Amino acid sequence: MAARPTSETLTLGGTPVLALAAAGPPIAGERDATDVIGDAFSVGAKLVAIPLARLTPEFLDLKTRVAGLILQKFVNYGLRVAIVGSIAAELIGSSALTDFVRESNRGKTVWFVADLADLEARLVSA
């Protein structure tokens, strides 16, 4: 049986995107982010779409600072990031996370989107 791909390169809204598959190694820290950044550069991506399934639960727990460390690594390398998937349940229990997502979505570097269609719509309108 062939191995499932852990990513694919897409063009969404005119932007080259490295879309990570939901199945694949977890992105738990800066080292994992650096590996993904290398993959993005190797295919010429300007944005990385990361499914929630690839992130550890600590990512959405802002007290752990995992989200900040991972996202800052992408920003430092000039890559935009979209976290793809529903976090509605997590938002209910955390005003800090709600504020973080709202502020991220106002900018142009880090977005939280429901799916790739939502990401494409944002890229087209940006």
PDB file of N, CA and C in Angstrom:
ATOM      1  N   MET A   1       0.849  -1.168   0.000  1.00  0.00           N
ATOM      2  CA  MET A   1       0.000   0.000   0.000  1.00  0.00           C
ATOM      3  C   MET A   1       0.901   1.241   0.000  1.00  0.00           C
ATOM      4  N   ALA A   2       0.566   2.217  -0.824  1.00  0.00           N
ATOM      5  CA  ALA A   2       1.351   3.449  -0.924  1.00  0.00           C
ATOM      6  C   ALA A   2       1.065   4.336   0.287  1.00  0.00           C
ATOM      7  N   ALA A   3       2.088   5.077   0.688  1.00  0.00           N
ATOM      8  CA  ALA A   3       1.927   6.004   1.800  1.00  0.00           C
ATOM      9  C   ALA A   3       1.039   7.167   1.363  1.00  0.00           C
ATOM     10  N   ARG A   4       0.219   7.660   2.290  1.00  0.00           N
ATOM     11  CA  ARG A   4      -0.627   8.815   1.998  1.00  0.00           C
ATOM     12  C   ARG A   4       0.232  10.066   2.019  1.00  0.00           C
ATOM     13  N   PRO A   5      -0.009  10.986   1.099  1.00  0.00           N
ATOM     14  CA  PRO A   5       0.774  12.223   1.104  1.00  0.00           C
ATOM     15  C   PRO A   5       0.469  13.043   2.350  1.00  0.00           C
ATOM     16  N   THR A   6       1.484  13.745   2.836  1.00  0.00           N
ATOM     17  CA  THR A   6       1.284  14.583   4.015  1.00  0.00           C
ATOM     18  C   THR A   6       1.042  16.031   3.630  1.00  0.00           C
ATOM     19  N   SER A   7       1.100  16.329   2.325  1.00  0.00           N
ATOM     20  CA  SER A   7       0.797  17.686   1.877  1.00  0.00           C
ATOM     21  C   SER A   7       0.574  17.696   0.379  1.00  0.00           C
ATOM     22  N   GLU A   8      -0.020  18.801  -0.086  1.00  0.00           N
ATOM     23  CA  GLU A   8      -0.154  19.035  -1.515  1.00  0.00           C
ATOM     24  C   GLU A   8      -0.012  20.527  -1.761  1.00  0.00           C
ATOM     25  N   THR A   9       0.442  20.856  -2.954  1.00  0.00           N
ATOM     26  CA  THR A   9       0.602  22.253  -3.318  1.00  0.00           C
ATOM     27  C   THR A   9      -0.594  22.660  -4.165  1.00  0.00           C
ATOM     28  N   LEU A  10      -1.246  23.738  -3.757  1.00  0.00           N
ATOM     29  CA  LEU A  10      -2.431  24.248  -4.435  1.00  0.00           C
ATOM     30  C   LEU A  10      -2.221  25.719  -4.774  1.00  0.00           C
ATOM     31  N   THR A  11      -3.026  26.223  -5.681  1.00  0.00           N
ATOM     32  CA  THR A  11      -3.090  27.661  -5.898  1.00  0.00           C
ATOM     33  C   THR A  11      -4.505  28.076  -5.550  1.00  0.00           C
ATOM     34  N   LEU A  12      -4.630  28.873  -4.504  1.00  0.00           N
ATOM     35  CA  LEU A  12      -5.936  29.340  -4.041  1.00  0.00           C
ATOM     36  C   LEU A  12      -5.950  30.864  -4.115  1.00  0.00           C
ATOM     37  N   GLY A  13      -6.893  31.401  -4.842  1.00  0.00           N
ATOM     38  CA  GLY A  13      -6.974  32.850  -4.965  1.00  0.00           C
ATOM     39  C   GLY A  13      -5.698  33.463  -5.507  1.00  0.00           C
ATOM     40  N   GLY A  14      -4.996  32.718  -6.366  1.00  0.00           N
ATOM     41  CA  GLY A  14      -3.756  33.207  -6.951  1.00  0.00           C
ATOM     42  C   GLY A  14      -2.535  33.067  -6.056  1.00  0.00           C
ATOM     43  N   THR A  15      -2.699  32.451  -4.888  1.00  0.00           N
ATOM     44  CA  THR A  15      -1.608  32.300  -3.922  1.00  0.00           C
ATOM     45  C   THR A  15      -1.146  30.846  -3.870  1.00  0.00           C
ATOM     46  N   PRO A  16       0.163  30.603  -3.989  1.00  0.00           N
ATOM     47  CA  PRO A  16       0.657  29.231  -3.826  1.00  0.00           C
ATOM     48  C   PRO A  16       0.546  28.801  -2.355  1.00  0.00           C
ATOM     49  N   VAL A  17      -0.139  27.688  -2.128  1.00  0.00           N
ATOM     50  CA  VAL A  17      -0.435  27.215  -0.773  1.00  0.00           C
ATOM     51  C   VAL A  17       0.085  25.798  -0.594  1.00  0.00           C
ATOM     52  N   LEU A  18       0.800  25.575   0.495  1.00  0.00           N
ATOM     53  CA  LEU A  18       1.140  24.215   0.910  1.00  0.00           C
ATOM     54  C   LEU A  18       0.033  23.790   1.863  1.00  0.00           C
ATOM     55  N   ALA A  19      -0.820  22.873   1.404  1.00  0.00           N
ATOM     56  CA  ALA A  19      -1.940  22.387   2.208  1.00  0.00           C
ATOM     57  C   ALA A  19      -1.534  21.059   2.834  1.00  0.00           C
ATOM     58  N   LEU A  20      -1.346  21.063   4.131  1.00  0.00           N
ATOM     59  CA  LEU A  20      -0.978  19.836   4.831  1.00  0.00           C
ATOM     60  C   LEU A  20      -2.189  18.926   4.935  1.00  0.00           C
ATOM     61  N   ALA A  21      -1.967  17.642   4.817  1.00  0.00           N
ATOM     62  CA  ALA A  21      -3.027  16.653   4.998  1.00  0.00           C
ATOM     63  C   ALA A  21      -3.327  16.515   6.487  1.00  0.00           C
ATOM     64  N   ALA A  22      -4.549  16.133   6.808  1.00  0.00           N
ATOM     65  CA  ALA A  22      -4.915  15.946   8.212  1.00  0.00           C
ATOM     66  C   ALA A  22      -4.105  14.819   8.838  1.00  0.00           C
ATOM     67  N   ALA A  23      -3.808  13.797   8.052  1.00  0.00           N
ATOM     68  CA  ALA A  23      -2.992  12.689   8.542  1.00  0.00           C
ATOM     69  C   ALA A  23      -1.529  13.029   8.280  1.00  0.00           C
ATOM     70  N   GLY A  24      -0.755  12.987   9.321  1.00  0.00           N
ATOM     71  CA  GLY A  24       0.660  13.295   9.181  1.00  0.00           C
ATOM     72  C   GLY A  24       1.254  13.582  10.540  1.00  0.00           C
ATOM     73  N   PRO A  25       2.537  13.834  10.582  1.00  0.00           N
ATOM     74  CA  PRO A  25       3.173  14.080  11.874  1.00  0.00           C
ATOM     75  C   PRO A  25       2.614  15.332  12.545  1.00  0.00           C
ATOM     76  N   PRO A  26       2.452  15.282  13.863  1.00  0.00           N
ATOM     77  CA  PRO A  26       1.917  16.448  14.572  1.00  0.00           C
ATOM     78  C   PRO A  26       2.896  17.618  14.546  1.00  0.00           C
ATOM     79  N   ILE A  27       2.325  18.796  14.578  1.00  0.00           N
ATOM     80  CA  ILE A  27       3.118  20.020  14.692  1.00  0.00           C
ATOM     81  C   ILE A  27       2.964  20.472  16.137  1.00  0.00           C
ATOM     82  N   ALA A  28       3.974  20.163  16.926  1.00  0.00           N
ATOM     83  CA  ALA A  28       3.881  20.381  18.368  1.00  0.00           C
ATOM     84  C   ALA A  28       4.803  21.485  18.874  1.00  0.00           C
ATOM     85  N   GLY A  29       5.742  21.934  18.039  1.00  0.00           N
ATOM     86  CA  GLY A  29       6.680  22.935  18.501  1.00  0.00           C
ATOM     87  C   GLY A  29       7.438  23.576  17.357  1.00  0.00           C
ATOM     88  N   GLU A  30       8.435  24.375  17.726  1.00  0.00           N
ATOM     89  CA  GLU A  30       9.196  25.135  16.744  1.00  0.00           C
ATOM     90  C   GLU A  30       9.932  24.247  15.746  1.00  0.00           C
ATOM     91  N   ARG A  31      10.465  23.131  16.197  1.00  0.00           N
ATOM     92  CA  ARG A  31      11.197  22.235  15.301  1.00  0.00           C
ATOM     93  C   ARG A  31      10.279  21.688  14.210  1.00  0.00           C
ATOM     94  N   ASP A  32       9.076  21.289  14.613  1.00  0.00           N
ATOM     95  CA  ASP A  32       8.106  20.793  13.645  1.00  0.00           C
ATOM     96  C   ASP A  32       7.720  21.899  12.662  1.00  0.00           C
ATOM     97  N   ALA A  33       7.549  23.122  13.176  1.00  0.00           N
ATOM     98  CA  ALA A  33       7.218  24.257  12.310  1.00  0.00           C
ATOM     99  C   ALA A  33       8.331  24.502  11.304  1.00  0.00           C
ATOM    100  N   THR A  34       9.576  24.394  11.755  1.00  0.00           N
ATOM    101  CA  THR A  34      10.718  24.601  10.863  1.00  0.00           C
ATOM    102  C   THR A  34      10.721  23.568   9.738  1.00  0.00           C
ATOM    103  N   ASP A  35      10.373  22.328  10.042  1.00  0.00           N
ATOM    104  CA  ASP A  35      10.296  21.294   9.012  1.00  0.00           C
ATOM    105  C   ASP A  35       9.241  21.656   7.959  1.00  0.00           C
ATOM    106  N   VAL A  36       8.084  22.138   8.416  1.00  0.00           N
ATOM    107  CA  VAL A  36       7.010  22.523   7.496  1.00  0.00           C
ATOM    108  C   VAL A  36       7.441  23.740   6.669  1.00  0.00           C
ATOM    109  N   ILE A  37       8.115  24.672   7.291  1.00  0.00           N
ATOM    110  CA  ILE A  37       8.608  25.853   6.584  1.00  0.00           C
ATOM    111  C   ILE A  37       9.553  25.434   5.457  1.00  0.00           C
ATOM    112  N   GLY A  38      10.432  24.495   5.737  1.00  0.00           N
ATOM    113  CA  GLY A  38      11.322  23.974   4.696  1.00  0.00           C
ATOM    114  C   GLY A  38      10.546  23.362   3.550  1.00  0.00           C
ATOM    115  N   ASP A  39       9.498  22.601   3.880  1.00  0.00           N
ATOM    116  CA  ASP A  39       8.645  22.007   2.849  1.00  0.00           C
ATOM    117  C   ASP A  39       7.969  23.098   2.017  1.00  0.00           C
ATOM    118  N   ALA A  40       7.498  24.151   2.692  1.00  0.00           N
ATOM    119  CA  ALA A  40       6.815  25.248   1.991  1.00  0.00           C
ATOM    120  C   ALA A  40       7.773  25.952   1.035  1.00  0.00           C
ATOM    121  N   PHE A  41       8.981  26.232   1.491  1.00  0.00           N
ATOM    122  CA  PHE A  41       9.958  26.890   0.627  1.00  0.00           C
ATOM    123  C   PHE A  41      10.329  26.006  -0.557  1.00  0.00           C
ATOM    124  N   SER A  42      10.391  24.696  -0.345  1.00  0.00           N
ATOM    125  CA  SER A  42      10.803  23.796  -1.428  1.00  0.00           C
ATOM    126  C   SER A  42       9.790  23.754  -2.571  1.00  0.00           C
ATOM    127  N   VAL A  43       8.530  24.116  -2.290  1.00  0.00           N
ATOM    128  CA  VAL A  43       7.509  24.116  -3.344  1.00  0.00           C
ATOM    129  C   VAL A  43       7.073  25.532  -3.728  1.00  0.00           C
ATOM    130  N   GLY A  44       7.713  26.536  -3.162  1.00  0.00           N
ATOM    131  CA  GLY A  44       7.398  27.920  -3.504  1.00  0.00           C
ATOM    132  C   GLY A  44       6.108  28.452  -2.910  1.00  0.00           C
ATOM    133  N   ALA A  45       5.630  27.838  -1.821  1.00  0.00           N
ATOM    134  CA  ALA A  45       4.390  28.287  -1.186  1.00  0.00           C
ATOM    135  C   ALA A  45       4.600  29.611  -0.459  1.00  0.00           C
ATOM    136  N   LYS A  46       3.556  30.423  -0.449  1.00  0.00           N
ATOM    137  CA  LYS A  46       3.546  31.686   0.288  1.00  0.00           C
ATOM    138  C   LYS A  46       2.669  31.602   1.526  1.00  0.00           C
ATOM    139  N   LEU A  47       1.878  30.520   1.604  1.00  0.00           N
ATOM    140  CA  LEU A  47       0.968  30.310   2.722  1.00  0.00           C
ATOM    141  C   LEU A  47       0.924  28.817   3.015  1.00  0.00           C
ATOM    142  N   VAL A  48       0.834  28.482   4.301  1.00  0.00           N
ATOM    143  CA  VAL A  48       0.710  27.084   4.712  1.00  0.00           C
ATOM    144  C   VAL A  48      -0.651  26.910   5.380  1.00  0.00           C
ATOM    145  N   ALA A  49      -1.421  25.939   4.886  1.00  0.00           N
ATOM    146  CA  ALA A  49      -2.719  25.591   5.470  1.00  0.00           C
ATOM    147  C   ALA A  49      -2.524  24.369   6.359  1.00  0.00           C
ATOM    148  N   ILE A  50      -2.749  24.565   7.662  1.00  0.00           N
ATOM    149  CA  ILE A  50      -2.517  23.504   8.646  1.00  0.00           C
ATOM    150  C   ILE A  50      -3.859  23.040   9.212  1.00  0.00           C
ATOM    151  N   PRO A  51      -4.237  21.789   8.989  1.00  0.00           N
ATOM    152  CA  PRO A  51      -5.471  21.275   9.591  1.00  0.00           C
ATOM    153  C   PRO A  51      -5.322  21.178  11.112  1.00  0.00           C
ATOM    154  N   LEU A  52      -6.408  21.434  11.795  1.00  0.00           N
ATOM    155  CA  LEU A  52      -6.398  21.314  13.260  1.00  0.00           C
ATOM    156  C   LEU A  52      -5.899  19.949  13.712  1.00  0.00           C
ATOM    157  N   ALA A  53      -6.214  18.917  12.945  1.00  0.00           N
ATOM    158  CA  ALA A  53      -5.814  17.561  13.311  1.00  0.00           C
ATOM    159  C   ALA A  53      -4.307  17.402  13.432  1.00  0.00           C
ATOM    160  N   ARG A  54      -3.536  18.277  12.800  1.00  0.00           N
ATOM    161  CA  ARG A  54      -2.074  18.186  12.848  1.00  0.00           C
ATOM    162  C   ARG A  54      -1.485  18.925  14.045  1.00  0.00           C
ATOM    163  N   LEU A  55      -2.313  19.697  14.747  1.00  0.00           N
ATOM    164  CA  LEU A  55      -1.838  20.468  15.899  1.00  0.00           C
ATOM    165  C   LEU A  55      -2.170  19.742  17.202  1.00  0.00           C
ATOM    166  N   THR A  56      -1.276  19.850  18.157  1.00  0.00           N
ATOM    167  CA  THR A  56      -1.533  19.231  19.455  1.00  0.00           C
ATOM    168  C   THR A  56      -2.570  20.064  20.215  1.00  0.00           C
ATOM    169  N   PRO A  57      -3.275  19.473  21.183  1.00  0.00           N
ATOM    170  CA  PRO A  57      -4.275  20.215  21.947  1.00  0.00           C
ATOM    171  C   PRO A  57      -3.696  21.457  22.636  1.00  0.00           C
ATOM    172  N   GLU A  58      -2.427  21.436  22.946  1.00  0.00           N
ATOM    173  CA  GLU A  58      -1.790  22.576  23.605  1.00  0.00           C
ATOM    174  C   GLU A  58      -1.805  23.825  22.728  1.00  0.00           C
ATOM    175  N   PHE A  59      -1.902  23.653  21.424  1.00  0.00           N
ATOM    176  CA  PHE A  59      -1.901  24.792  20.514  1.00  0.00           C
ATOM    177  C   PHE A  59      -3.024  25.767  20.850  1.00  0.00           C
ATOM    178  N   LEU A  60      -4.221  25.241  21.114  1.00  0.00           N
ATOM    179  CA  LEU A  60      -5.369  26.105  21.392  1.00  0.00           C
ATOM    180  C   LEU A  60      -5.468  26.527  22.855  1.00  0.00           C
ATOM    181  N   ASP A  61      -4.592  26.028  23.688  1.00  0.00           N
ATOM    182  CA  ASP A  61      -4.517  26.450  25.089  1.00  0.00           C
ATOM    183  C   ASP A  61      -3.439  27.527  25.164  1.00  0.00           C
ATOM    184  N   LEU A  62      -3.849  28.780  25.074  1.00  0.00           N
ATOM    185  CA  LEU A  62      -2.893  29.879  24.926  1.00  0.00           C
ATOM    186  C   LEU A  62      -1.924  30.004  26.103  1.00  0.00           C
ATOM    187  N   LYS A  63      -2.296  29.468  27.260  1.00  0.00           N
ATOM    188  CA  LYS A  63      -1.388  29.521  28.417  1.00  0.00           C
ATOM    189  C   LYS A  63      -0.086  28.766  28.150  1.00  0.00           C
ATOM    190  N   THR A  64      -0.126  27.786  27.269  1.00  0.00           N
ATOM    191  CA  THR A  64       1.076  26.985  26.989  1.00  0.00           C
ATOM    192  C   THR A  64       2.077  27.719  26.100  1.00  0.00           C
ATOM    193  N   ARG A  65       1.615  28.752  25.395  1.00  0.00           N
ATOM    194  CA  ARG A  65       2.432  29.547  24.468  1.00  0.00           C
ATOM    195  C   ARG A  65       2.849  28.784  23.207  1.00  0.00           C
ATOM    196  N   VAL A  66       2.332  27.577  23.032  1.00  0.00           N
ATOM    197  CA  VAL A  66       2.686  26.768  21.860  1.00  0.00           C
ATOM    198  C   VAL A  66       2.253  27.475  20.576  1.00  0.00           C
ATOM    199  N   ALA A  67       1.036  28.002  20.540  1.00  0.00           N
ATOM    200  CA  ALA A  67       0.555  28.698  19.336  1.00  0.00           C
ATOM    201  C   ALA A  67       1.475  29.859  18.985  1.00  0.00           C
ATOM    202  N   GLY A  68       1.824  30.649  19.968  1.00  0.00           N
ATOM    203  CA  GLY A  68       2.689  31.800  19.719  1.00  0.00           C
ATOM    204  C   GLY A  68       4.042  31.404  19.164  1.00  0.00           C
ATOM    205  N   LEU A  69       4.634  30.367  19.732  1.00  0.00           N
ATOM    206  CA  LEU A  69       5.950  29.917  19.269  1.00  0.00           C
ATOM    207  C   LEU A  69       5.896  29.388  17.837  1.00  0.00           C
ATOM    208  N   ILE A  70       4.880  28.593  17.551  1.00  0.00           N
ATOM    209  CA  ILE A  70       4.754  28.017  16.211  1.00  0.00           C
ATOM    210  C   ILE A  70       4.442  29.106  15.185  1.00  0.00           C
ATOM    211  N   LEU A  71       3.460  29.926  15.465  1.00  0.00           N
ATOM    212  CA  LEU A  71       3.060  30.945  14.502  1.00  0.00           C
ATOM    213  C   LEU A  71       4.153  31.982  14.281  1.00  0.00           C
ATOM    214  N   GLN A  72       4.869  32.341  15.332  1.00  0.00           N
ATOM    215  CA  GLN A  72       5.954  33.310  15.193  1.00  0.00           C
ATOM    216  C   GLN A  72       7.049  32.781  14.282  1.00  0.00           C
ATOM    217  N   LYS A  73       7.296  31.483  14.319  1.00  0.00           N
ATOM    218  CA  LYS A  73       8.306  30.877  13.455  1.00  0.00           C
ATOM    219  C   LYS A  73       7.929  31.096  11.983  1.00  0.00           C
ATOM    220  N   PHE A  74       6.662  30.884  11.636  1.00  0.00           N
ATOM    221  CA  PHE A  74       6.215  31.107  10.264  1.00  0.00           C
ATOM    222  C   PHE A  74       6.348  32.582   9.880  1.00  0.00           C
ATOM    223  N   VAL A  75       5.923  33.458  10.774  1.00  0.00           N
ATOM    224  CA  VAL A  75       6.002  34.898  10.516  1.00  0.00           C
ATOM    225  C   VAL A  75       7.455  35.321  10.295  1.00  0.00           C
ATOM    226  N   ASN A  76       8.358  34.799  11.121  1.00  0.00           N
ATOM    227  CA  ASN A  76       9.775  35.152  10.987  1.00  0.00           C
ATOM    228  C   ASN A  76      10.327  34.781   9.616  1.00  0.00           C
ATOM    229  N   TYR A  77       9.798  33.738   9.016  1.00  0.00           N
ATOM    230  CA  TYR A  77      10.248  33.307   7.695  1.00  0.00           C
ATOM    231  C   TYR A  77       9.400  33.885   6.561  1.00  0.00           C
ATOM    232  N   GLY A  78       8.497  34.784   6.880  1.00  0.00           N
ATOM    233  CA  GLY A  78       7.709  35.465   5.859  1.00  0.00           C
ATOM    234  C   GLY A  78       6.607  34.630   5.243  1.00  0.00           C
ATOM    235  N   LEU A  79       6.152  33.618   5.957  1.00  0.00           N
ATOM    236  CA  LEU A  79       5.063  32.770   5.457  1.00  0.00           C
ATOM    237  C   LEU A  79       3.771  33.085   6.190  1.00  0.00           C
ATOM    238  N   ARG A  80       2.688  33.107   5.445  1.00  0.00           N
ATOM    239  CA  ARG A  80       1.375  33.239   6.065  1.00  0.00           C
ATOM    240  C   ARG A  80       0.889  31.843   6.457  1.00  0.00           C
ATOM    241  N   VAL A  81      -0.026  31.807   7.415  1.00  0.00           N
ATOM    242  CA  VAL A  81      -0.527  30.539   7.938  1.00  0.00           C
ATOM    243  C   VAL A  81      -2.045  30.597   8.060  1.00  0.00           C
ATOM    244  N   ALA A  82      -2.688  29.501   7.686  1.00  0.00           N
ATOM    245  CA  ALA A  82      -4.119  29.342   7.931  1.00  0.00           C
ATOM    246  C   ALA A  82      -4.310  28.068   8.741  1.00  0.00           C
ATOM    247  N   ILE A  83      -4.963  28.205   9.873  1.00  0.00           N
ATOM    248  CA  ILE A  83      -5.352  27.051  10.670  1.00  0.00           C
ATOM    249  C   ILE A  83      -6.732  26.652  10.171  1.00  0.00           C
ATOM    250  N   VAL A  84      -6.858  25.416   9.686  1.00  0.00           N
ATOM    251  CA  VAL A  84      -8.065  24.985   8.989  1.00  0.00           C
ATOM    252  C   VAL A  84      -8.854  23.990   9.838  1.00  0.00           C
ATOM    253  N   GLY A  85     -10.093  24.359  10.141  1.00  0.00           N
ATOM    254  CA  GLY A  85     -10.975  23.479  10.903  1.00  0.00           C
ATOM    255  C   GLY A  85     -11.800  24.283  11.888  1.00  0.00           C
ATOM    256  N   SER A  86     -12.829  23.659  12.396  1.00  0.00           N
ATOM    257  CA  SER A  86     -13.722  24.327  13.342  1.00  0.00           C
ATOM    258  C   SER A  86     -13.160  24.276  14.760  1.00  0.00           C
ATOM    259  N   ILE A  87     -13.097  25.431  15.379  1.00  0.00           N
ATOM    260  CA  ILE A  87     -12.693  25.509  16.785  1.00  0.00           C
ATOM    261  C   ILE A  87     -13.821  26.108  17.630  1.00  0.00           C
ATOM    262  N   ALA A  88     -15.041  25.971  17.150  1.00  0.00           N
ATOM    263  CA  ALA A  88     -16.202  26.559  17.822  1.00  0.00           C
ATOM    264  C   ALA A  88     -16.297  26.132  19.285  1.00  0.00           C
ATOM    265  N   ALA A  89     -16.103  24.866  19.561  1.00  0.00           N
ATOM    266  CA  ALA A  89     -16.206  24.378  20.941  1.00  0.00           C
ATOM    267  C   ALA A  89     -15.129  24.994  21.828  1.00  0.00           C
ATOM    268  N   GLU A  90     -13.930  25.135  21.307  1.00  0.00           N
ATOM    269  CA  GLU A  90     -12.831  25.708  22.083  1.00  0.00           C
ATOM    270  C   GLU A  90     -13.049  27.198  22.339  1.00  0.00           C
ATOM    271  N   LEU A  91     -13.687  27.881  21.410  1.00  0.00           N
ATOM    272  CA  LEU A  91     -13.948  29.312  21.568  1.00  0.00           C
ATOM    273  C   LEU A  91     -14.946  29.582  22.685  1.00  0.00           C
ATOM    274  N   ILE A  92     -15.892  28.676  22.863  1.00  0.00           N
ATOM    275  CA  ILE A  92     -16.910  28.858  23.903  1.00  0.00           C
ATOM    276  C   ILE A  92     -16.265  28.958  25.279  1.00  0.00           C
ATOM    277  N   GLY A  93     -15.247  28.183  25.523  1.00  0.00           N
ATOM    278  CA  GLY A  93     -14.648  28.139  26.850  1.00  0.00           C
ATOM    279  C   GLY A  93     -13.490  29.089  27.080  1.00  0.00           C
ATOM    280  N   SER A  94     -13.153  29.940  26.096  1.00  0.00           N
ATOM    281  CA  SER A  94     -11.964  30.767  26.273  1.00  0.00           C
ATOM    282  C   SER A  94     -12.112  32.136  25.610  1.00  0.00           C
ATOM    283  N   SER A  95     -12.265  33.156  26.440  1.00  0.00           N
ATOM    284  CA  SER A  95     -12.337  34.511  25.884  1.00  0.00           C
ATOM    285  C   SER A  95     -10.980  34.921  25.309  1.00  0.00           C
ATOM    286  N   ALA A  96      -9.883  34.425  25.889  1.00  0.00           N
ATOM    287  CA  ALA A  96      -8.559  34.748  25.360  1.00  0.00           C
ATOM    288  C   ALA A  96      -8.382  34.174  23.958  1.00  0.00           C
ATOM    289  N   LEU A  97      -8.814  32.931  23.764  1.00  0.00           N
ATOM    290  CA  LEU A  97      -8.705  32.315  22.442  1.00  0.00           C
ATOM    291  C   LEU A  97      -9.618  33.037  21.449  1.00  0.00           C
ATOM    292  N   THR A  98     -10.807  33.395  21.876  1.00  0.00           N
ATOM    293  CA  THR A  98     -11.731  34.138  21.017  1.00  0.00           C
ATOM    294  C   THR A  98     -11.101  35.443  20.558  1.00  0.00           C
ATOM    295  N   ASP A  99     -10.484  36.169  21.482  1.00  0.00           N
ATOM    296  CA  ASP A  99      -9.815  37.431  21.146  1.00  0.00           C
ATOM    297  C   ASP A  99      -8.644  37.198  20.195  1.00  0.00           C
ATOM    298  N   PHE A 100      -7.872  36.144  20.454  1.00  0.00           N
ATOM    299  CA  PHE A 100      -6.714  35.821  19.623  1.00  0.00           C
ATOM    300  C   PHE A 100      -7.141  35.510  18.186  1.00  0.00           C
ATOM    301  N   VAL A 101      -8.174  34.709  18.040  1.00  0.00           N
ATOM    302  CA  VAL A 101      -8.672  34.342  16.713  1.00  0.00           C
ATOM    303  C   VAL A 101      -9.225  35.574  15.999  1.00  0.00           C
ATOM    304  N   ARG A 102      -9.987  36.381  16.700  1.00  0.00           N
ATOM    305  CA  ARG A 102     -10.564  37.595  16.095  1.00  0.00           C
ATOM    306  C   ARG A 102      -9.454  38.524  15.599  1.00  0.00           C
ATOM    307  N   GLU A 103      -8.446  38.760  16.430  1.00  0.00           N
ATOM    308  CA  GLU A 103      -7.345  39.639  16.038  1.00  0.00           C
ATOM    309  C   GLU A 103      -6.528  39.039  14.899  1.00  0.00           C
ATOM    310  N   SER A 104      -6.288  37.738  14.945  1.00  0.00           N
ATOM    311  CA  SER A 104      -5.548  37.076  13.866  1.00  0.00           C
ATOM    312  C   SER A 104      -6.290  37.221  12.542  1.00  0.00           C
ATOM    313  N   ASN A 105      -7.579  37.010  12.563  1.00  0.00           N
ATOM    314  CA  ASN A 105      -8.371  37.068  11.338  1.00  0.00           C
ATOM    315  C   ASN A 105      -8.510  38.485  10.779  1.00  0.00           C
ATOM    316  N   ARG A 106      -8.233  39.492  11.585  1.00  0.00           N
ATOM    317  CA  ARG A 106      -8.236  40.874  11.092  1.00  0.00           C
ATOM    318  C   ARG A 106      -6.976  41.189  10.295  1.00  0.00           C
ATOM    319  N   GLY A 107      -5.929  40.439  10.551  1.00  0.00           N
ATOM    320  CA  GLY A 107      -4.656  40.691   9.888  1.00  0.00           C
ATOM    321  C   GLY A 107      -4.519  39.933   8.580  1.00  0.00           C
ATOM    322  N   LYS A 108      -3.296  39.873   8.090  1.00  0.00           N
ATOM    323  CA  LYS A 108      -3.033  39.223   6.809  1.00  0.00           C
ATOM    324  C   LYS A 108      -2.054  38.070   6.928  1.00  0.00           C
ATOM    325  N   THR A 109      -1.586  37.781   8.140  1.00  0.00           N
ATOM    326  CA  THR A 109      -0.529  36.793   8.324  1.00  0.00           C
ATOM    327  C   THR A 109      -1.034  35.455   8.845  1.00  0.00           C
ATOM    328  N   VAL A 110      -1.926  35.476   9.818  1.00  0.00           N
ATOM    329  CA  VAL A 110      -2.453  34.254  10.432  1.00  0.00           C
ATOM    330  C   VAL A 110      -3.973  34.324  10.397  1.00  0.00           C
ATOM    331  N   TRP A 111      -4.573  33.273   9.827  1.00  0.00           N
ATOM    332  CA  TRP A 111      -6.027  33.193   9.769  1.00  0.00           C
ATOM    333  C   TRP A 111      -6.496  31.864  10.329  1.00  0.00           C
ATOM    334  N   PHE A 112      -7.662  31.879  10.916  1.00  0.00           N
ATOM    335  CA  PHE A 112      -8.373  30.670  11.320  1.00  0.00           C
ATOM    336  C   PHE A 112      -9.573  30.557  10.383  1.00  0.00           C
ATOM    337  N   VAL A 113      -9.642  29.467   9.623  1.00  0.00           N
ATOM    338  CA  VAL A 113     -10.707  29.285   8.633  1.00  0.00           C
ATOM    339  C   VAL A 113     -11.365  27.926   8.809  1.00  0.00           C
ATOM    340  N   ALA A 114     -12.588  27.814   8.341  1.00  0.00           N
ATOM    341  CA  ALA A 114     -13.342  26.565   8.497  1.00  0.00           C
ATOM    342  C   ALA A 114     -12.813  25.465   7.578  1.00  0.00           C
ATOM    343  N   ASP A 115     -12.477  25.840   6.339  1.00  0.00           N
ATOM    344  CA  ASP A 115     -12.037  24.854   5.355  1.00  0.00           C
ATOM    345  C   ASP A 115     -11.270  25.565   4.243  1.00  0.00           C
ATOM    346  N   LEU A 116     -10.801  24.806   3.262  1.00  0.00           N
ATOM    347  CA  LEU A 116     -10.015  25.396   2.180  1.00  0.00           C
ATOM    348  C   LEU A 116     -10.845  26.334   1.307  1.00  0.00           C
ATOM    349  N   ALA A 117     -12.137  26.084   1.184  1.00  0.00           N
ATOM    350  CA  ALA A 117     -13.004  26.990   0.427  1.00  0.00           C
ATOM    351  C   ALA A 117     -13.071  28.353   1.115  1.00  0.00           C
ATOM    352  N   ASP A 118     -13.155  28.347   2.426  1.00  0.00           N
ATOM    353  CA  ASP A 118     -13.153  29.586   3.214  1.00  0.00           C
ATOM    354  C   ASP A 118     -11.814  30.312   3.035  1.00  0.00           C
ATOM    355  N   LEU A 119     -10.732  29.561   3.046  1.00  0.00           N
ATOM    356  CA  LEU A 119      -9.408  30.155   2.835  1.00  0.00           C
ATOM    357  C   LEU A 119      -9.328  30.792   1.452  1.00  0.00           C
ATOM    358  N   GLU A 120      -9.803  30.083   0.433  1.00  0.00           N
ATOM    359  CA  GLU A 120      -9.750  30.629  -0.917  1.00  0.00           C
ATOM    360  C   GLU A 120     -10.568  31.919  -1.020  1.00  0.00           C
ATOM    361  N   ALA A 121     -11.739  31.943  -0.402  1.00  0.00           N
ATOM    362  CA  ALA A 121     -12.580  33.155  -0.421  1.00  0.00           C
ATOM    363  C   ALA A 121     -11.846  34.328   0.230  1.00  0.00           C
ATOM    364  N   ARG A 122     -11.147  34.073   1.313  1.00  0.00           N
ATOM    365  CA  ARG A 122     -10.393  35.136   1.992  1.00  0.00           C
ATOM    366  C   ARG A 122      -9.239  35.625   1.124  1.00  0.00           C
ATOM    367  N   LEU A 123      -8.577  34.703   0.456  1.00  0.00           N
ATOM    368  CA  LEU A 123      -7.451  35.083  -0.401  1.00  0.00           C
ATOM    369  C   LEU A 123      -7.933  35.907  -1.608  1.00  0.00           C
ATOM    370  N   VAL A 124      -9.062  35.548  -2.151  1.00  0.00           N
ATOM    371  CA  VAL A 124      -9.612  36.283  -3.298  1.00  0.00           C
ATOM    372  C   VAL A 124      -9.997  37.710  -2.891  1.00  0.00           C
ATOM    373  N   SER A 125     -10.547  37.846  -1.695  1.00  0.00           N
ATOM    374  CA  SER A 125     -11.005  39.171  -1.255  1.00  0.00           C
ATOM    375  C   SER A 125      -9.901  40.003  -0.614  1.00  0.00           C
ATOM    376  N   ALA A 126      -8.747  39.410  -0.367  1.00  0.00           N
ATOM    377  CA  ALA A 126      -7.658  40.135   0.311  1.00  0.00           C
ATOM    378  C   ALA A 126      -6.931  41.073  -0.636  1.00  0.00           C
TER     379      ALA A 126
END
